[in-house]
Amino acid sequence: MRDSNSSMQLTRAADYGVRVMVHLVAQEAQRRTSLSALARATGTPESFLSKVLQALTRGGLLVSRRGQAGGFEISPRGWNSSMRDVIEAVDGPIRLNICLASGMSCARKAWCPAHPVWVQAQQAMLDVLETARIQDLAYASRAIEMPARSHGAVIERMAAAEEPECAECGGKCDAD
């Protein structure tokens, strides 16, 4: 099997949805952002992003305003959203296998040796996506985007240090 044909990957739409949510939450002040500005900021094709934003709005994660001062902004629910919330707003429920879909019954479930593994893998993935909060990702993105001058002071202090300090002896040994 080729890697690019894996059926166990999130859609591009879900990825774009996460990008948009992180970008909007990372902004210093809550403000509306236009479709074109979001497309530029997230590296997403505008025509495709429009559909993603509609799904996020229908899912209650964004608020959409029309008109000259319009655009998209995070809803109160969106501020507290997880990656799972975003992905499911765009793509619907996440399922690793059809036998895990709610309301579906698999005739093999009772005796299938793989079923418990699918259940465990599904739950592990959902747990990770549920605990990955958009606010935390936005906070991390702000830290990554810090201006280089902030890092310059740290580098200067490191270069000015005469010798590295040993954690065990406080810098009194000759070990490197």
C-alpha atoms as a PDB file:
ATOM      1  CA  MET A   1       0.000   0.000   0.000  1.00  0.00           C
ATOM      2  CA  ARG A   2       1.135   3.502  -0.714  1.00  0.00           C
ATOM      3  CA  ASP A   3       1.264   6.033   2.135  1.00  0.00           C
ATOM      4  CA  SER A   4      -0.661   8.664   0.227  1.00  0.00           C
ATOM      5  CA  ASN A   5      -3.712   6.402  -0.154  1.00  0.00           C
ATOM      6  CA  SER A   6      -4.154   5.722   3.550  1.00  0.00           C
ATOM      7  CA  SER A   7      -7.782   5.787   4.556  1.00  0.00           C
ATOM      8  CA  MET A   8      -6.757   6.497   8.142  1.00  0.00           C
ATOM      9  CA  GLN A   9      -5.955  10.130   7.765  1.00  0.00           C
ATOM     10  CA  LEU A  10      -7.890  13.261   8.451  1.00  0.00           C
ATOM     11  CA  THR A  11      -9.175  15.261   5.544  1.00  0.00           C
ATOM     12  CA  ARG A  12      -7.501  18.374   4.281  1.00  0.00           C
ATOM     13  CA  ALA A  13     -10.657  20.258   5.286  1.00  0.00           C
ATOM     14  CA  ALA A  14     -10.217  19.165   8.917  1.00  0.00           C
ATOM     15  CA  ASP A  15      -6.570  20.262   8.838  1.00  0.00           C
ATOM     16  CA  TYR A  16      -7.579  23.665   7.470  1.00  0.00           C
ATOM     17  CA  GLY A  17     -10.263  23.909  10.142  1.00  0.00           C
ATOM     18  CA  VAL A  18      -7.708  23.376  12.892  1.00  0.00           C
ATOM     19  CA  ARG A  19      -5.383  25.960  11.288  1.00  0.00           C
ATOM     20  CA  VAL A  20      -8.143  28.576  11.163  1.00  0.00           C
ATOM     21  CA  MET A  21      -9.250  27.976  14.734  1.00  0.00           C
ATOM     22  CA  VAL A  22      -5.703  28.200  16.062  1.00  0.00           C
ATOM     23  CA  HIS A  23      -5.106  31.395  14.092  1.00  0.00           C
ATOM     24  CA  LEU A  24      -8.287  33.068  15.317  1.00  0.00           C
ATOM     25  CA  VAL A  25      -7.712  32.117  18.951  1.00  0.00           C
ATOM     26  CA  ALA A  26      -4.054  33.208  18.760  1.00  0.00           C
ATOM     27  CA  GLN A  27      -5.000  36.774  17.871  1.00  0.00           C
ATOM     28  CA  GLU A  28      -4.487  39.149  20.765  1.00  0.00           C
ATOM     29  CA  ALA A  29      -7.998  40.613  20.689  1.00  0.00           C
ATOM     30  CA  GLN A  30     -11.191  38.954  19.606  1.00  0.00           C
ATOM     31  CA  ARG A  31     -11.966  40.481  16.245  1.00  0.00           C
ATOM     32  CA  ARG A  32     -13.563  39.546  12.976  1.00  0.00           C
ATOM     33  CA  THR A  33     -11.287  38.376  10.223  1.00  0.00           C
ATOM     34  CA  SER A  34     -12.180  38.245   6.555  1.00  0.00           C
ATOM     35  CA  LEU A  35     -12.122  35.102   4.470  1.00  0.00           C
ATOM     36  CA  SER A  36      -9.230  36.411   2.374  1.00  0.00           C
ATOM     37  CA  ALA A  37      -7.172  37.329   5.448  1.00  0.00           C
ATOM     38  CA  LEU A  38      -7.765  33.870   6.942  1.00  0.00           C
ATOM     39  CA  ALA A  39      -6.789  32.212   3.667  1.00  0.00           C
ATOM     40  CA  ARG A  40      -3.506  34.176   3.584  1.00  0.00           C
ATOM     41  CA  ALA A  41      -2.734  33.557   7.256  1.00  0.00           C
ATOM     42  CA  THR A  42      -3.321  29.815   7.071  1.00  0.00           C
ATOM     43  CA  GLY A  43      -2.019  29.103   3.562  1.00  0.00           C
ATOM     44  CA  THR A  44      -5.396  27.785   2.497  1.00  0.00           C
ATOM     45  CA  PRO A  45      -7.128  28.222  -0.882  1.00  0.00           C
ATOM     46  CA  GLU A  46      -9.902  30.775  -0.372  1.00  0.00           C
ATOM     47  CA  SER A  47     -12.539  28.859  -2.338  1.00  0.00           C
ATOM     48  CA  PHE A  48     -11.981  25.713  -0.281  1.00  0.00           C
ATOM     49  CA  LEU A  49     -11.665  27.589   3.016  1.00  0.00           C
ATOM     50  CA  SER A  50     -15.118  29.093   2.500  1.00  0.00           C
ATOM     51  CA  LYS A  51     -16.684  25.631   2.840  1.00  0.00           C
ATOM     52  CA  VAL A  52     -14.598  24.857   5.928  1.00  0.00           C
ATOM     53  CA  LEU A  53     -15.647  28.125   7.581  1.00  0.00           C
ATOM     54  CA  GLN A  54     -19.303  27.358   6.837  1.00  0.00           C
ATOM     55  CA  ALA A  55     -18.939  23.977   8.563  1.00  0.00           C
ATOM     56  CA  LEU A  56     -17.243  25.555  11.595  1.00  0.00           C
ATOM     57  CA  THR A  57     -20.024  28.145  11.774  1.00  0.00           C
ATOM     58  CA  ARG A  58     -22.733  25.459  11.518  1.00  0.00           C
ATOM     59  CA  GLY A  59     -20.883  23.554  14.253  1.00  0.00           C
ATOM     60  CA  GLY A  60     -21.127  26.575  16.542  1.00  0.00           C
ATOM     61  CA  LEU A  61     -17.367  27.163  16.746  1.00  0.00           C
ATOM     62  CA  LEU A  62     -17.351  30.382  14.712  1.00  0.00           C
ATOM     63  CA  VAL A  63     -19.677  33.319  14.266  1.00  0.00           C
ATOM     64  CA  SER A  64     -20.070  34.732  10.774  1.00  0.00           C
ATOM     65  CA  ARG A  65     -21.033  38.352  10.048  1.00  0.00           C
ATOM     66  CA  ARG A  66     -21.913  39.674   6.626  1.00  0.00           C
ATOM     67  CA  GLY A  67     -21.161  43.082   5.227  1.00  0.00           C
ATOM     68  CA  GLN A  68     -18.230  45.437   4.980  1.00  0.00           C
ATOM     69  CA  ALA A  69     -17.259  44.997   8.640  1.00  0.00           C
ATOM     70  CA  GLY A  70     -18.068  41.291   8.462  1.00  0.00           C
ATOM     71  CA  GLY A  71     -15.914  38.250   8.751  1.00  0.00           C
ATOM     72  CA  PHE A  72     -15.415  35.339  11.094  1.00  0.00           C
ATOM     73  CA  GLU A  73     -14.726  35.281  14.802  1.00  0.00           C
ATOM     74  CA  ILE A  74     -14.522  32.650  17.507  1.00  0.00           C
ATOM     75  CA  SER A  75     -17.765  31.844  19.297  1.00  0.00           C
ATOM     76  CA  PRO A  76     -17.843  31.243  23.063  1.00  0.00           C
ATOM     77  CA  ARG A  77     -17.979  27.484  22.338  1.00  0.00           C
ATOM     78  CA  GLY A  78     -15.054  27.845  19.933  1.00  0.00           C
ATOM     79  CA  TRP A  79     -12.840  29.372  22.625  1.00  0.00           C
ATOM     80  CA  ASN A  80     -13.108  26.153  24.624  1.00  0.00           C
ATOM     81  CA  SER A  81     -12.995  23.739  21.706  1.00  0.00           C
ATOM     82  CA  SER A  82     -10.729  20.755  21.234  1.00  0.00           C
ATOM     83  CA  MET A  83      -9.186  19.412  18.054  1.00  0.00           C
ATOM     84  CA  ARG A  84     -11.865  16.731  18.148  1.00  0.00           C
ATOM     85  CA  ASP A  85     -14.594  19.396  18.195  1.00  0.00           C
ATOM     86  CA  VAL A  86     -13.071  21.095  15.158  1.00  0.00           C
ATOM     87  CA  ILE A  87     -12.510  17.893  13.182  1.00  0.00           C
ATOM     88  CA  GLU A  88     -16.010  16.623  13.876  1.00  0.00           C
ATOM     89  CA  ALA A  89     -17.561  19.996  12.988  1.00  0.00           C
ATOM     90  CA  VAL A  90     -15.873  19.756   9.577  1.00  0.00           C
ATOM     91  CA  ASP A  91     -15.927  16.001   8.849  1.00  0.00           C
ATOM     92  CA  GLY A  92     -18.523  14.520  11.176  1.00  0.00           C
ATOM     93  CA  PRO A  93     -17.854  11.761  13.701  1.00  0.00           C
ATOM     94  CA  ILE A  94     -14.399  10.214  13.632  1.00  0.00           C
ATOM     95  CA  ARG A  95     -14.408   6.450  13.075  1.00  0.00           C
ATOM     96  CA  LEU A  96     -11.442   4.182  12.469  1.00  0.00           C
ATOM     97  CA  ASN A  97     -13.670   1.400  11.217  1.00  0.00           C
ATOM     98  CA  ILE A  98     -17.287   1.157  10.089  1.00  0.00           C
ATOM     99  CA  CYS A  99     -18.012  -1.288  12.919  1.00  0.00           C
ATOM    100  CA  LEU A 100     -17.414   1.566  15.393  1.00  0.00           C
ATOM    101  CA  ALA A 101     -20.031   3.895  13.930  1.00  0.00           C
ATOM    102  CA  SER A 102     -22.869   4.576  16.326  1.00  0.00           C
ATOM    103  CA  GLY A 103     -26.060   2.816  15.376  1.00  0.00           C
ATOM    104  CA  MET A 104     -24.174   0.332  13.224  1.00  0.00           C
ATOM    105  CA  SER A 105     -24.087  -3.297  14.171  1.00  0.00           C
ATOM    106  CA  CYS A 106     -21.463  -5.629  12.836  1.00  0.00           C
ATOM    107  CA  ALA A 107     -22.346  -9.323  12.600  1.00  0.00           C
ATOM    108  CA  ARG A 108     -18.697 -10.182  13.315  1.00  0.00           C
ATOM    109  CA  LYS A 109     -18.416  -7.996  16.429  1.00  0.00           C
ATOM    110  CA  ALA A 110     -19.023 -10.795  18.948  1.00  0.00           C
ATOM    111  CA  TRP A 111     -16.293 -13.048  17.600  1.00  0.00           C
ATOM    112  CA  CYS A 112     -13.994 -10.706  15.637  1.00  0.00           C
ATOM    113  CA  PRO A 113     -10.519 -10.710  17.214  1.00  0.00           C
ATOM    114  CA  ALA A 114      -9.756  -7.264  15.750  1.00  0.00           C
ATOM    115  CA  HIS A 115     -12.828  -5.524  17.169  1.00  0.00           C
ATOM    116  CA  PRO A 116     -11.410  -4.890  20.675  1.00  0.00           C
ATOM    117  CA  VAL A 117      -8.266  -3.456  19.075  1.00  0.00           C
ATOM    118  CA  TRP A 118     -10.343  -1.094  16.912  1.00  0.00           C
ATOM    119  CA  VAL A 119     -12.286  -0.005  19.993  1.00  0.00           C
ATOM    120  CA  GLN A 120      -9.112   0.651  21.978  1.00  0.00           C
ATOM    121  CA  ALA A 121      -7.386   2.488  19.116  1.00  0.00           C
ATOM    122  CA  GLN A 122     -10.493   4.586  18.481  1.00  0.00           C
ATOM    123  CA  GLN A 123     -10.768   5.584  22.138  1.00  0.00           C
ATOM    124  CA  ALA A 124      -7.058   6.438  22.385  1.00  0.00           C
ATOM    125  CA  MET A 125      -7.265   8.683  19.329  1.00  0.00           C
ATOM    126  CA  LEU A 126     -10.437  10.407  20.529  1.00  0.00           C
ATOM    127  CA  ASP A 127      -8.884  10.970  23.961  1.00  0.00           C
ATOM    128  CA  VAL A 128      -5.809  12.622  22.431  1.00  0.00           C
ATOM    129  CA  LEU A 129      -7.888  14.830  20.146  1.00  0.00           C
ATOM    130  CA  GLU A 130     -10.238  15.766  22.994  1.00  0.00           C
ATOM    131  CA  THR A 131      -7.401  16.809  25.301  1.00  0.00           C
ATOM    132  CA  ALA A 132      -5.675  18.867  22.575  1.00  0.00           C
ATOM    133  CA  ARG A 133      -7.312  22.238  23.247  1.00  0.00           C
ATOM    134  CA  ILE A 134      -7.311  24.898  20.545  1.00  0.00           C
ATOM    135  CA  GLN A 135      -6.358  27.528  23.147  1.00  0.00           C
ATOM    136  CA  ASP A 136      -3.249  25.520  24.074  1.00  0.00           C
ATOM    137  CA  LEU A 137      -2.269  25.167  20.415  1.00  0.00           C
ATOM    138  CA  ALA A 138      -2.804  28.895  19.892  1.00  0.00           C
ATOM    139  CA  TYR A 139      -0.655  29.696  22.914  1.00  0.00           C
ATOM    140  CA  ALA A 140       2.097  27.443  21.544  1.00  0.00           C
ATOM    141  CA  SER A 141       1.846  29.118  18.130  1.00  0.00           C
ATOM    142  CA  ARG A 142       2.301  32.549  19.719  1.00  0.00           C
ATOM    143  CA  ALA A 143       5.440  31.300  21.476  1.00  0.00           C
ATOM    144  CA  ILE A 144       6.829  29.946  18.200  1.00  0.00           C
ATOM    145  CA  GLU A 145       6.122  33.208  16.384  1.00  0.00           C
ATOM    146  CA  MET A 146       7.999  35.356  18.925  1.00  0.00           C
ATOM    147  CA  PRO A 147      10.161  37.967  17.214  1.00  0.00           C
ATOM    148  CA  ALA A 148      13.784  37.006  16.682  1.00  0.00           C
ATOM    149  CA  ARG A 149      14.926  39.909  18.851  1.00  0.00           C
ATOM    150  CA  SER A 150      13.422  38.152  21.885  1.00  0.00           C
ATOM    151  CA  HIS A 151      15.672  35.195  21.204  1.00  0.00           C
ATOM    152  CA  GLY A 152      18.653  37.477  20.605  1.00  0.00           C
ATOM    153  CA  ALA A 153      18.943  38.451  24.259  1.00  0.00           C
ATOM    154  CA  VAL A 154      19.009  34.807  25.300  1.00  0.00           C
ATOM    155  CA  ILE A 155      21.681  33.983  22.733  1.00  0.00           C
ATOM    156  CA  GLU A 156      23.782  36.971  23.848  1.00  0.00           C
ATOM    157  CA  ARG A 157      23.582  35.860  27.495  1.00  0.00           C
ATOM    158  CA  MET A 158      24.586  32.334  26.510  1.00  0.00           C
ATOM    159  CA  ALA A 159      27.555  33.608  24.488  1.00  0.00           C
ATOM    160  CA  ALA A 160      28.653  35.908  27.318  1.00  0.00           C
ATOM    161  CA  ALA A 161      28.833  33.055  29.800  1.00  0.00           C
ATOM    162  CA  GLU A 162      32.481  32.176  30.370  1.00  0.00           C
ATOM    163  CA  GLU A 163      31.940  28.487  31.030  1.00  0.00           C
ATOM    164  CA  PRO A 164      28.894  26.272  30.966  1.00  0.00           C
ATOM    165  CA  GLU A 165      27.724  25.433  34.446  1.00  0.00           C
ATOM    166  CA  CYS A 166      27.692  21.784  35.466  1.00  0.00           C
ATOM    167  CA  ALA A 167      24.342  20.752  36.937  1.00  0.00           C
ATOM    168  CA  GLU A 168      26.003  18.422  39.458  1.00  0.00           C
ATOM    169  CA  CYS A 169      28.732  20.617  40.915  1.00  0.00           C
ATOM    170  CA  GLY A 170      27.584  24.119  40.012  1.00  0.00           C
ATOM    171  CA  GLY A 171      30.379  24.678  37.469  1.00  0.00           C
ATOM    172  CA  LYS A 172      33.383  23.699  39.551  1.00  0.00           C
ATOM    173  CA  CYS A 173      34.376  20.605  37.572  1.00  0.00           C
ATOM    174  CA  ASP A 174      36.273  20.409  34.274  1.00  0.00           C
ATOM    175  CA  ALA A 175      33.727  18.144  32.573  1.00  0.00           C
ATOM    176  CA  ASP A 176      32.228  19.298  29.294  1.00  0.00           C
END
